[in-house]
Protein backbone atom coordinates (compact mmCIF):
# COMPACT_ATOMS: atom_id res chain seq x y z
CA UNK A 1 -24.02 -15.67 -46.60
CA UNK A 2 -26.00 -15.19 -43.44
CA UNK A 3 -28.21 -12.20 -42.84
CA UNK A 4 -26.21 -9.42 -41.14
CA UNK A 5 -28.82 -9.33 -38.36
CA UNK A 6 -27.50 -12.69 -37.10
CA UNK A 7 -24.37 -11.03 -35.71
CA UNK A 8 -25.76 -10.75 -32.16
CA UNK A 9 -26.64 -14.46 -32.08
CA UNK A 10 -23.13 -15.32 -33.21
CA UNK A 11 -21.71 -12.98 -30.59
CA UNK A 12 -23.94 -14.67 -28.01
CA UNK A 13 -22.43 -18.07 -28.82
CA UNK A 14 -18.87 -16.78 -28.51
CA UNK A 15 -19.80 -14.97 -25.30
CA UNK A 16 -21.15 -18.24 -23.89
CA UNK A 17 -17.80 -19.91 -24.67
CA UNK A 18 -15.93 -17.14 -22.87
CA UNK A 19 -18.20 -17.07 -19.83
CA UNK A 20 -18.20 -20.87 -19.68
CA UNK A 21 -14.41 -21.08 -19.85
CA UNK A 22 -14.28 -22.84 -23.23
CA UNK A 23 -12.28 -19.93 -24.60
CA UNK A 24 -9.35 -19.21 -22.29
CA UNK A 25 -8.23 -15.79 -21.00
CA UNK A 26 -5.57 -14.38 -23.30
CA UNK A 27 -6.60 -16.62 -26.20
CA UNK A 28 -6.44 -14.87 -29.54
CA UNK A 29 -9.50 -15.00 -31.78
CA UNK A 30 -8.98 -15.63 -35.50
CA UNK A 31 -8.47 -12.59 -37.74
CA UNK A 32 -11.83 -11.17 -38.75
CA UNK A 33 -11.48 -12.20 -42.40
CA UNK A 34 -10.64 -15.79 -41.41
CA UNK A 35 -13.57 -15.78 -38.98
CA UNK A 36 -15.87 -14.50 -41.75
CA UNK A 37 -14.80 -17.24 -44.19
CA UNK A 38 -15.13 -19.98 -41.57
CA UNK A 39 -18.65 -18.93 -40.58
CA UNK A 40 -19.93 -17.88 -44.02
CA UNK A 41 -20.22 -14.21 -43.06
CA UNK A 42 -19.61 -10.96 -44.85
CA UNK A 43 -16.43 -9.27 -43.50
CA UNK A 44 -18.56 -6.37 -42.27
CA UNK A 45 -20.74 -8.78 -40.25
CA UNK A 46 -17.66 -10.39 -38.70
CA UNK A 47 -16.53 -6.90 -37.72
CA UNK A 48 -19.87 -6.32 -36.01
CA UNK A 49 -19.53 -9.61 -34.11
CA UNK A 50 -16.11 -8.61 -32.81
CA UNK A 51 -17.34 -5.09 -32.07
CA UNK A 52 -20.22 -6.50 -30.02
CA UNK A 53 -17.81 -8.65 -27.98
CA UNK A 54 -15.64 -5.59 -27.32
CA UNK A 55 -18.74 -3.61 -26.29
CA UNK A 56 -19.65 -6.31 -23.77
CA UNK A 57 -16.16 -6.17 -22.29
CA UNK A 58 -15.39 -9.80 -23.17
CA UNK A 59 -12.45 -9.20 -25.52
CA UNK A 60 -9.86 -6.52 -26.17
CA UNK A 61 -8.30 -5.65 -29.52
CA UNK A 62 -4.80 -4.39 -30.25
CA UNK A 63 -4.00 -2.89 -33.64
CA UNK A 64 -1.61 -5.14 -35.53
CA UNK A 65 -1.78 -7.92 -32.92
CA UNK A 66 -5.32 -9.22 -32.89
CA UNK A 67 -8.31 -9.66 -30.58
CA UNK A 68 -7.85 -11.42 -27.24
CA UNK A 69 -10.20 -12.84 -24.61
CA UNK A 70 -10.06 -10.75 -21.44
CA UNK A 71 -8.75 -12.20 -18.18
CA UNK A 72 -12.24 -12.38 -16.69
CA UNK A 73 -15.39 -11.55 -18.60
CA UNK A 74 -16.44 -8.05 -17.57
CA UNK A 75 -19.63 -8.79 -19.46
CA UNK A 76 -20.40 -11.92 -17.46
CA UNK A 77 -23.84 -10.56 -16.61
CA UNK A 78 -24.61 -10.57 -20.32
CA UNK A 79 -23.28 -14.11 -20.53
CA UNK A 80 -25.64 -15.29 -17.81
CA UNK A 81 -28.56 -14.00 -19.83
CA UNK A 82 -27.68 -16.05 -22.92
CA UNK A 83 -30.25 -18.56 -24.07
CA UNK A 84 -28.19 -20.44 -26.64
CA UNK A 85 -25.51 -23.04 -26.00
CA UNK A 86 -22.00 -21.99 -26.93
CA UNK A 87 -19.78 -23.41 -29.65
CA UNK A 88 -16.03 -23.09 -29.70
CA UNK A 89 -14.09 -21.36 -32.44
CA UNK A 90 -11.96 -23.98 -34.17
CA UNK A 91 -8.29 -23.41 -34.84
CA UNK A 92 -8.07 -20.23 -32.75
CA UNK A 93 -4.37 -19.96 -31.87
CA UNK A 94 -3.54 -19.58 -28.20
CA UNK A 95 -1.44 -16.74 -26.84
CA UNK A 96 1.60 -17.83 -24.80
CA UNK A 97 0.77 -18.91 -21.26
CA UNK A 98 -2.94 -19.16 -22.06
CA UNK A 99 -2.98 -22.91 -22.73
CA UNK A 100 -4.51 -25.47 -20.41
CA UNK A 101 -5.95 -22.95 -17.96
CA UNK A 102 -8.69 -24.74 -16.02
CA UNK A 103 -11.98 -22.85 -16.26
CA UNK A 104 -12.67 -23.54 -12.60
CA UNK A 105 -9.27 -22.34 -11.32
CA UNK A 106 -9.69 -20.21 -8.19
CA UNK A 107 -9.10 -16.56 -9.00
CA UNK A 108 -8.11 -13.61 -6.86
CA UNK A 109 -9.93 -10.93 -8.79
CA UNK A 110 -7.90 -7.73 -9.13
CA UNK A 111 -10.14 -6.55 -11.97
CA UNK A 112 -13.09 -5.81 -9.71
CA UNK A 113 -12.68 -2.84 -7.39
CA UNK A 114 -15.46 -2.67 -4.80
CA UNK A 115 -14.19 -1.51 -1.40
CA UNK A 116 -15.84 -2.87 1.72
CA UNK A 117 -14.97 -1.63 5.20
CA UNK A 118 -14.81 -4.01 8.16
CA UNK A 119 -18.22 -4.15 9.83
CA UNK A 120 -19.86 -2.41 6.89
CA UNK A 121 -23.09 -4.41 6.99
CA UNK A 122 -23.52 -3.71 10.69
CA UNK A 123 -23.10 0.01 10.03
CA UNK A 124 -25.63 0.02 7.19
CA UNK A 125 -28.37 -2.07 8.77
CA UNK A 126 -29.82 0.37 11.37
CA UNK A 127 -30.85 2.95 8.75
CA UNK A 128 -32.58 0.27 6.67
CA UNK A 129 -34.70 -1.16 9.50
CA UNK A 130 -37.27 1.69 9.57
CA UNK A 131 -37.73 1.36 5.79
CA UNK A 132 -38.97 -2.21 6.22
CA UNK A 133 -42.14 -1.19 8.08
CA UNK A 134 -45.03 -1.95 5.69
CA UNK A 135 -46.35 1.62 5.64
CA UNK A 136 -42.89 3.09 4.96
CA UNK A 137 -41.90 0.35 2.53
CA UNK A 138 -44.94 0.96 0.32
CA UNK A 139 -43.83 4.55 -0.23
CA UNK A 140 -40.16 3.62 -0.60
CA UNK A 141 -40.94 1.20 -3.43
CA UNK A 142 -42.58 3.84 -5.62
CA UNK A 143 -40.64 5.28 -8.57
CA UNK A 144 -38.44 8.23 -7.62
CA UNK A 145 -38.20 11.50 -9.48
CA UNK A 146 -34.97 12.48 -11.20
CA UNK A 147 -34.91 15.52 -8.93
CA UNK A 148 -35.27 13.33 -5.85
CA UNK A 149 -36.63 15.05 -2.79
CA UNK A 150 -35.67 18.22 -0.99
CA UNK A 151 -34.14 16.13 1.79
CA UNK A 152 -32.11 14.11 -0.74
CA UNK A 153 -30.80 17.20 -2.53
CA UNK A 154 -29.81 18.80 0.76
CA UNK A 155 -28.10 15.63 2.01
CA UNK A 156 -26.07 15.22 -1.18
CA UNK A 157 -25.12 18.90 -1.18
CA UNK A 158 -23.72 18.38 2.32
CA UNK A 159 -21.93 15.19 1.26
CA UNK A 160 -20.24 16.82 -1.74
CA UNK A 161 -19.30 20.07 -0.02
CA UNK A 162 -15.55 20.62 -0.27
CA UNK A 163 -13.18 23.47 0.35
CA UNK A 164 -15.95 25.62 1.76
CA UNK A 165 -18.05 25.20 -1.39
CA UNK A 166 -21.43 23.51 -1.10
CA UNK A 167 -23.19 22.65 -4.39
CA UNK A 168 -26.46 24.40 -5.15
CA UNK A 169 -29.17 21.80 -4.35
CA UNK A 170 -31.18 23.11 -7.32
CA UNK A 171 -28.60 21.59 -9.66
CA UNK A 172 -28.55 18.09 -8.10
CA UNK A 173 -30.15 15.23 -10.04
CA UNK A 174 -30.28 11.51 -9.27
CA UNK A 175 -29.70 8.35 -11.27
CA UNK A 176 -29.43 4.68 -10.46
CA UNK A 177 -25.62 4.86 -10.38
CA UNK A 178 -22.72 7.09 -11.40
CA UNK A 179 -22.32 5.42 -14.81
CA UNK A 180 -25.87 6.45 -15.68
CA UNK A 181 -25.06 9.98 -14.55
CA UNK A 182 -22.11 10.05 -16.96
CA UNK A 183 -24.22 8.75 -19.84
CA UNK A 184 -27.09 11.16 -19.26
CA UNK A 185 -24.80 14.15 -18.87
CA UNK A 186 -22.86 13.40 -22.03
CA UNK A 187 -26.09 12.73 -23.94
CA UNK A 188 -27.40 16.13 -22.85
CA UNK A 189 -24.24 17.92 -23.95
CA UNK A 190 -23.11 16.29 -27.21
CA UNK A 191 -25.19 15.22 -30.18
CA UNK A 192 -24.52 11.91 -31.98
CA UNK A 193 -21.45 12.30 -34.13
CA UNK A 194 -19.93 14.83 -31.74
CA UNK A 195 -16.49 14.74 -30.12
CA UNK A 196 -15.60 14.40 -26.45
CA UNK A 197 -12.10 15.12 -25.17
CA UNK A 198 -10.70 12.60 -22.69
CA UNK A 199 -7.43 11.56 -21.10
CA UNK A 200 -5.59 9.01 -23.31
CA UNK A 201 -6.36 6.39 -20.64
CA UNK A 202 -9.94 6.62 -19.49
CA UNK A 203 -12.67 4.76 -17.61
CA UNK A 204 -13.55 1.78 -19.87
CA UNK A 205 -17.29 2.28 -19.53
CA UNK A 206 -16.91 5.78 -20.96
CA UNK A 207 -15.73 4.09 -24.15
CA UNK A 208 -18.83 1.91 -24.09
CA UNK A 209 -21.10 4.91 -23.39
CA UNK A 210 -19.51 6.84 -26.25
CA UNK A 211 -20.13 3.94 -28.62
CA UNK A 212 -23.77 3.70 -27.58
CA UNK A 213 -24.29 7.46 -27.99
CA UNK A 214 -22.33 7.55 -31.29
CA UNK A 215 -19.75 9.94 -29.83
CA UNK A 216 -16.08 10.08 -30.79
CA UNK A 217 -13.59 10.10 -27.94
CA UNK A 218 -10.58 12.31 -28.62
CA UNK A 219 -7.45 11.52 -26.55
CA UNK A 220 -5.82 14.77 -25.48
CA UNK A 221 -2.14 15.51 -24.97
CA UNK A 222 -0.99 15.17 -21.37
CA UNK A 223 2.10 15.55 -19.22
CA UNK A 224 2.91 14.50 -15.66
CA UNK A 225 0.37 17.06 -14.37
CA UNK A 226 -2.58 15.92 -16.50
CA UNK A 227 -4.30 17.20 -19.64
CA UNK A 228 -2.51 20.09 -21.34
CA UNK A 229 -4.82 23.11 -21.63
CA UNK A 230 -3.41 24.00 -25.05
CA UNK A 231 -4.59 20.62 -26.39
CA UNK A 232 -8.21 21.82 -26.21
CA UNK A 233 -7.89 24.59 -28.81
CA UNK A 234 -8.63 23.35 -32.31
CA UNK A 235 -9.83 19.92 -31.12
CA UNK A 236 -13.47 20.72 -32.11
CA UNK A 237 -14.88 19.26 -28.90
CA UNK A 238 -18.47 19.24 -27.73
CA UNK A 239 -17.48 18.43 -24.14
CA UNK A 240 -14.57 17.36 -21.96
CA UNK A 241 -14.66 14.30 -19.66
CA UNK A 242 -11.99 14.19 -16.95
CA UNK A 243 -11.09 12.41 -13.73
CA UNK A 244 -8.87 15.08 -12.12
CA UNK A 245 -8.71 13.39 -8.70
CA UNK A 246 -7.30 9.85 -8.38
CA UNK A 247 -7.56 9.22 -12.09
CA UNK A 248 -8.46 5.64 -12.91
CA UNK A 249 -6.17 3.81 -13.80
CA UNK A 250 -3.04 5.91 -13.11
CA UNK A 251 -4.02 7.41 -9.71
CA UNK A 252 -2.85 10.85 -10.87
CA UNK A 253 -4.34 13.80 -9.02
CA UNK A 254 -4.14 17.01 -11.00
CA UNK A 255 -2.50 19.87 -9.10
CA UNK A 256 -4.24 23.14 -8.28
CA UNK A 257 -2.26 25.12 -10.87
CA UNK A 258 -3.17 22.80 -13.76
CA UNK A 259 -6.81 22.85 -12.65
CA UNK A 260 -6.85 26.64 -12.79
CA UNK A 261 -5.21 26.60 -16.22
CA UNK A 262 -7.78 24.11 -17.52
CA UNK A 263 -10.63 26.12 -15.99
CA UNK A 264 -9.37 29.23 -17.78
CA UNK A 265 -9.10 27.31 -21.06
CA UNK A 266 -12.61 25.84 -20.95
CA UNK A 267 -14.02 29.22 -19.92
CA UNK A 268 -12.35 30.90 -22.91
CA UNK A 269 -13.74 28.20 -25.22
CA UNK A 270 -17.15 27.89 -23.53
CA UNK A 271 -16.46 24.15 -23.37
CA UNK A 272 -18.64 22.07 -21.00
CA UNK A 273 -16.84 19.71 -18.63
CA UNK A 274 -17.95 16.41 -17.09
CA UNK A 275 -15.91 16.02 -13.89
CA UNK A 276 -15.94 12.42 -12.64
CA UNK A 277 -15.33 12.45 -8.88
CA UNK A 278 -16.30 8.86 -8.05
CA UNK A 279 -12.97 8.14 -6.28
CA UNK A 280 -12.32 11.64 -4.93
CA UNK A 281 -13.76 10.81 -1.50
CA UNK A 282 -10.50 8.97 -0.74
CA UNK A 283 -8.35 12.03 -1.38
CA UNK A 284 -7.83 14.61 1.36
CA UNK A 285 -5.64 17.09 -0.54
CA UNK A 286 -6.42 20.79 -0.97
CA UNK A 287 -6.98 20.77 -4.76
CA UNK A 288 -10.27 22.48 -5.62
CA UNK A 289 -12.75 20.63 -7.83
CA UNK A 290 -13.05 21.97 -11.37
CA UNK A 291 -16.65 22.80 -10.50
CA UNK A 292 -15.35 25.46 -8.11
CA UNK A 293 -13.18 27.02 -10.82
CA UNK A 294 -15.57 26.85 -13.79
CA UNK A 295 -18.99 26.54 -12.12
CA UNK A 296 -21.05 27.57 -15.14
CA UNK A 297 -19.57 24.83 -17.32
CA UNK A 298 -18.75 21.91 -15.04
CA UNK A 299 -21.07 18.93 -14.52
CA UNK A 300 -19.99 16.75 -11.59
CA UNK A 301 -20.81 13.02 -11.62
CA UNK A 302 -20.48 10.96 -8.46
CA UNK A 303 -22.32 8.31 -6.48
CA UNK A 304 -22.40 6.02 -3.47
CA UNK A 305 -21.18 2.76 -5.01
CA UNK A 306 -17.58 3.20 -3.81
CA UNK A 307 -18.37 5.07 -0.61
CA UNK A 308 -21.05 2.58 0.46
CA UNK A 309 -21.73 -0.51 -1.68
CA UNK A 310 -22.44 -1.30 -5.34
CA UNK A 311 -25.60 -3.31 -4.70
CA UNK A 312 -27.74 -0.52 -3.24
CA UNK A 313 -26.52 2.73 -4.65
CA UNK A 314 -27.48 6.10 -6.10
CA UNK A 315 -25.73 8.26 -8.70
CA UNK A 316 -25.52 12.05 -8.64
CA UNK A 317 -25.22 14.63 -11.39
CA UNK A 318 -24.49 18.11 -10.04
CA UNK A 319 -25.00 20.48 -12.93
CA UNK A 320 -25.30 24.22 -13.49
CA UNK A 321 -28.92 24.94 -12.45
CA UNK A 322 -29.83 26.27 -15.88
CA UNK A 323 -28.89 22.87 -17.38
CA UNK A 324 -30.86 20.77 -14.91
CA UNK A 325 -33.84 20.42 -17.26
CA UNK A 326 -31.76 19.13 -20.17
CA UNK A 327 -29.85 16.61 -18.05
CA UNK A 328 -33.05 15.47 -16.32
CA UNK A 329 -34.64 14.83 -19.71
CA UNK A 330 -31.64 12.72 -20.73
CA UNK A 331 -31.90 10.71 -17.50
CA UNK A 332 -35.58 9.99 -18.14
CA UNK A 333 -34.94 9.16 -21.79
CA UNK A 334 -32.29 6.64 -20.79
CA UNK A 335 -34.48 5.03 -18.13
CA UNK A 336 -31.88 5.86 -15.51
CA UNK A 337 -34.02 7.31 -12.73
CA UNK A 338 -33.11 6.26 -9.18
CA UNK A 339 -34.99 3.82 -7.00
CA UNK A 340 -36.91 5.37 -4.10
CA UNK A 341 -35.69 2.73 -1.63
CA UNK A 342 -32.02 3.37 -2.45
CA UNK A 343 -32.58 7.13 -2.41
CA UNK A 344 -34.24 7.06 1.00
CA UNK A 345 -31.53 4.76 2.36
CA UNK A 346 -28.87 7.16 1.04
CA UNK A 347 -30.49 10.11 2.80
CA UNK A 348 -30.48 8.20 6.09
CA UNK A 349 -26.89 6.97 5.70
CA UNK A 350 -25.65 10.47 4.94
CA UNK A 351 -27.69 12.08 7.69
CA UNK A 352 -26.74 9.68 10.50
CA UNK A 353 -23.01 9.80 9.73
CA UNK A 354 -22.77 6.26 8.33
CA UNK A 355 -21.27 7.42 5.02
CA UNK A 356 -18.69 9.55 6.82
CA UNK A 357 -17.66 6.59 8.99
CA UNK A 358 -17.38 4.33 5.95
CA UNK A 359 -15.29 6.91 4.10
CA UNK A 360 -12.88 7.18 7.04
CA UNK A 361 -12.60 3.38 7.25
CA UNK A 362 -12.01 3.01 3.51
CA UNK A 363 -9.29 5.65 3.54
CA UNK A 364 -7.46 3.65 6.18
CA UNK A 365 -8.07 0.44 4.24
CA UNK A 366 -6.73 1.90 0.99
CA UNK A 367 -3.61 3.05 2.80
CA UNK A 368 -2.95 -0.45 4.13
CA UNK A 369 -3.40 -1.98 0.69
CA UNK A 370 -1.06 0.53 -0.91
CA UNK A 371 1.58 -0.42 1.62
CA UNK A 372 1.19 -4.03 0.49
CA UNK A 373 1.77 -2.91 -3.11
CA UNK A 374 4.87 -0.95 -2.11
CA UNK A 375 6.25 -3.97 -0.26
CA UNK A 376 5.43 -6.76 -2.71
CA UNK A 377 6.12 -4.88 -5.95
CA UNK A 378 9.20 -2.99 -4.79
CA UNK A 379 11.59 -2.40 -7.66
CA UNK A 380 8.92 -2.47 -10.37
CA UNK A 381 7.55 0.53 -12.29
CA UNK A 382 4.30 0.97 -10.37
CA UNK A 383 2.40 4.27 -10.43
CA UNK A 384 -0.11 4.88 -7.69
CA UNK A 385 -1.16 7.14 -4.82
CA UNK A 386 -1.18 6.28 -1.11
CA UNK A 387 -4.93 7.03 -1.07
CA UNK A 388 -5.95 5.05 -4.16
CA UNK A 389 -7.60 1.67 -4.48
CA UNK A 390 -5.73 0.80 -7.67
CA UNK A 391 -2.22 0.77 -9.11
CA UNK A 392 -0.87 1.07 -12.66
CA UNK A 393 1.97 -1.34 -13.38
CA UNK A 394 4.22 -0.76 -16.41
CA UNK A 395 5.46 -4.27 -17.07
CA UNK A 396 9.12 -5.23 -17.46
CA UNK A 397 10.39 -6.56 -20.78
CA UNK A 398 9.86 -8.98 -22.39
CA UNK A 399 6.34 -9.22 -20.96
CA UNK A 400 3.41 -7.84 -22.90
CA UNK A 401 0.15 -6.90 -21.24
CA UNK A 402 -1.92 -9.56 -23.02
CA UNK A 403 0.43 -12.46 -22.30
CA UNK A 404 1.01 -11.30 -18.73
CA UNK A 405 -2.75 -11.07 -18.17
CA UNK A 406 -3.20 -14.62 -19.44
CA UNK A 407 -0.26 -15.95 -17.44
CA UNK A 408 -1.53 -14.23 -14.30
CA UNK A 409 -4.92 -15.88 -14.81
CA UNK A 410 -3.17 -19.24 -15.15
CA UNK A 411 -1.65 -18.57 -11.74
CA UNK A 412 -5.02 -17.67 -10.22
CA UNK A 413 -4.92 -13.86 -10.41
CA UNK A 414 -7.11 -11.69 -12.67
CA UNK A 415 -5.79 -8.27 -13.70
CA UNK A 416 -6.94 -5.72 -16.27
CA UNK A 417 -4.73 -5.11 -19.34
CA UNK A 418 -3.96 -1.51 -20.23
CA UNK A 419 -5.82 -1.85 -23.53
CA UNK A 420 -9.11 -1.76 -21.59
CA UNK A 421 -8.42 1.88 -20.71
CA UNK A 422 -6.69 3.02 -23.90
CA UNK A 423 -8.63 5.35 -26.20
CA UNK A 424 -6.25 5.10 -29.16
CA UNK A 425 -5.73 1.36 -29.85
CA UNK A 426 -2.56 2.11 -31.82
CA UNK A 427 -0.91 3.34 -28.61
CA UNK A 428 -1.80 0.52 -26.23
CA UNK A 429 0.39 0.72 -23.12
CA UNK A 430 2.34 -2.29 -21.96
CA UNK A 431 0.79 -2.13 -18.51
CA UNK A 432 -1.90 -3.62 -16.31
CA UNK A 433 -4.16 -2.11 -13.69
CA UNK A 434 -4.42 -3.75 -10.30
CA UNK A 435 -7.71 -3.25 -8.48
CA UNK A 436 -6.88 -3.44 -4.78
CA UNK A 437 -10.27 -3.07 -3.13
CA UNK A 438 -12.15 -6.34 -3.51
CA UNK A 439 -9.81 -9.11 -2.37
CA UNK A 440 -9.31 -9.70 1.38
CA UNK A 441 -5.91 -8.36 2.46
CA UNK A 442 -4.22 -11.77 2.95
CA UNK A 443 -5.38 -12.85 -0.53
CA UNK A 444 -4.22 -9.53 -1.99
CA UNK A 445 -0.77 -9.93 -0.48
CA UNK A 446 -0.45 -13.46 -1.87
CA UNK A 447 -1.68 -12.34 -5.29
CA UNK A 448 0.81 -9.46 -5.44
CA UNK A 449 3.60 -11.85 -4.45
CA UNK A 450 2.53 -14.24 -7.22
CA UNK A 451 2.47 -11.44 -9.78
CA UNK A 452 5.91 -10.22 -8.71
CA UNK A 453 7.35 -13.70 -9.14
CA UNK A 454 5.68 -14.03 -12.53
CA UNK A 455 7.05 -10.66 -13.70
CA UNK A 456 10.57 -11.72 -12.72
CA UNK A 457 10.29 -14.84 -14.89
CA UNK A 458 10.20 -14.99 -18.66
CA UNK A 459 6.99 -15.57 -20.66
CA UNK A 460 6.35 -19.29 -20.82
CA UNK A 461 8.62 -20.07 -17.88
CA UNK A 462 6.06 -19.52 -15.07
CA UNK A 463 7.19 -18.78 -11.53
CA UNK A 464 8.79 -22.12 -10.84
């Protein structure tokens, strides 16, 4: 048998097949034991290969059903870095509707979710021009401190002020993006082997972060208002990670009463909270952030990737001032410090009103796209919010999320199966998330129409 350290090379080869289109979206990989026998591996090594592919976002697993190639490889960046040629997996049975999908088929990507306002580049350019002067650029290309600058802390405090509450600038730290802020904050709060409470459906990269930090995610009981406060007692948690505003993927916004109840519960337990507010800029409701209700325990993570653009962004961690040192150390340890150029650009965009104008434009844009969803998917079980850039679609029988995802890809539309968000794989929802932000509106309308026609057909029948 091969040395167990070969598992990454084997995963690389399979990843190359996925990225190159030689393994089709929705295709089921062989059972791990069959894969181990075929490749002369120990069963434990085969498990590590499959685990590595899940970590990269290339496949999803469903208990009792198998492991399936995702609609589009979320780990495509990893695939581009591969140095070995791929080899196909022989005799891997195809899922229905996944056969004969051309690798070069044009795709409307409803997995990605990067909003862009009309005229965005023209709005952003003026603040960048002064940074390109040689004397200014030299300074802007130096490494930035985790604590940023006084001007940066003040600008972000202004940006995140809500309901009359402005964060204390002393508790504001900076990372390269919001994902790094989540990772550093969790690393500072929970030791390896510890437990983090989450909603049963959560941001997929939080699952990846938890795996990297050796943390166990604990799905908490919920109702139509969000996480039940009583589910915290006895759960033996080291921290709580929540998206109380425009939860991704369901678009749920937790009401003010439930927020107060949760704040009381975490205060009684002394339980730290990581409040992810990356999409909250779209929401204009009166609900107070958890940080306003439990300020000594709540760590806010946010950033500019959705407000501005993903390519030149900054992440924020707004933490109780007495915890700033511990979180800053975790940021440095993870190599997640911000870039000076992006930080200086952010200060200028916030200060000159560019971010505020982009936010207003994206709120209008999200509203238009939600109206497209309401029109094209009328009659289906779609959960969303008029302000959100995504929708959660509970599929009609007899469709299953994996076969629908593969069939949608065959018809030129990429969607994300519910399993990508599910914490407990034994309770995978029969649903898909639709990311509404990235596709141009005419393409989005056509894609939604295609998906509606597909959902009205039977698996294997297509849309006619």
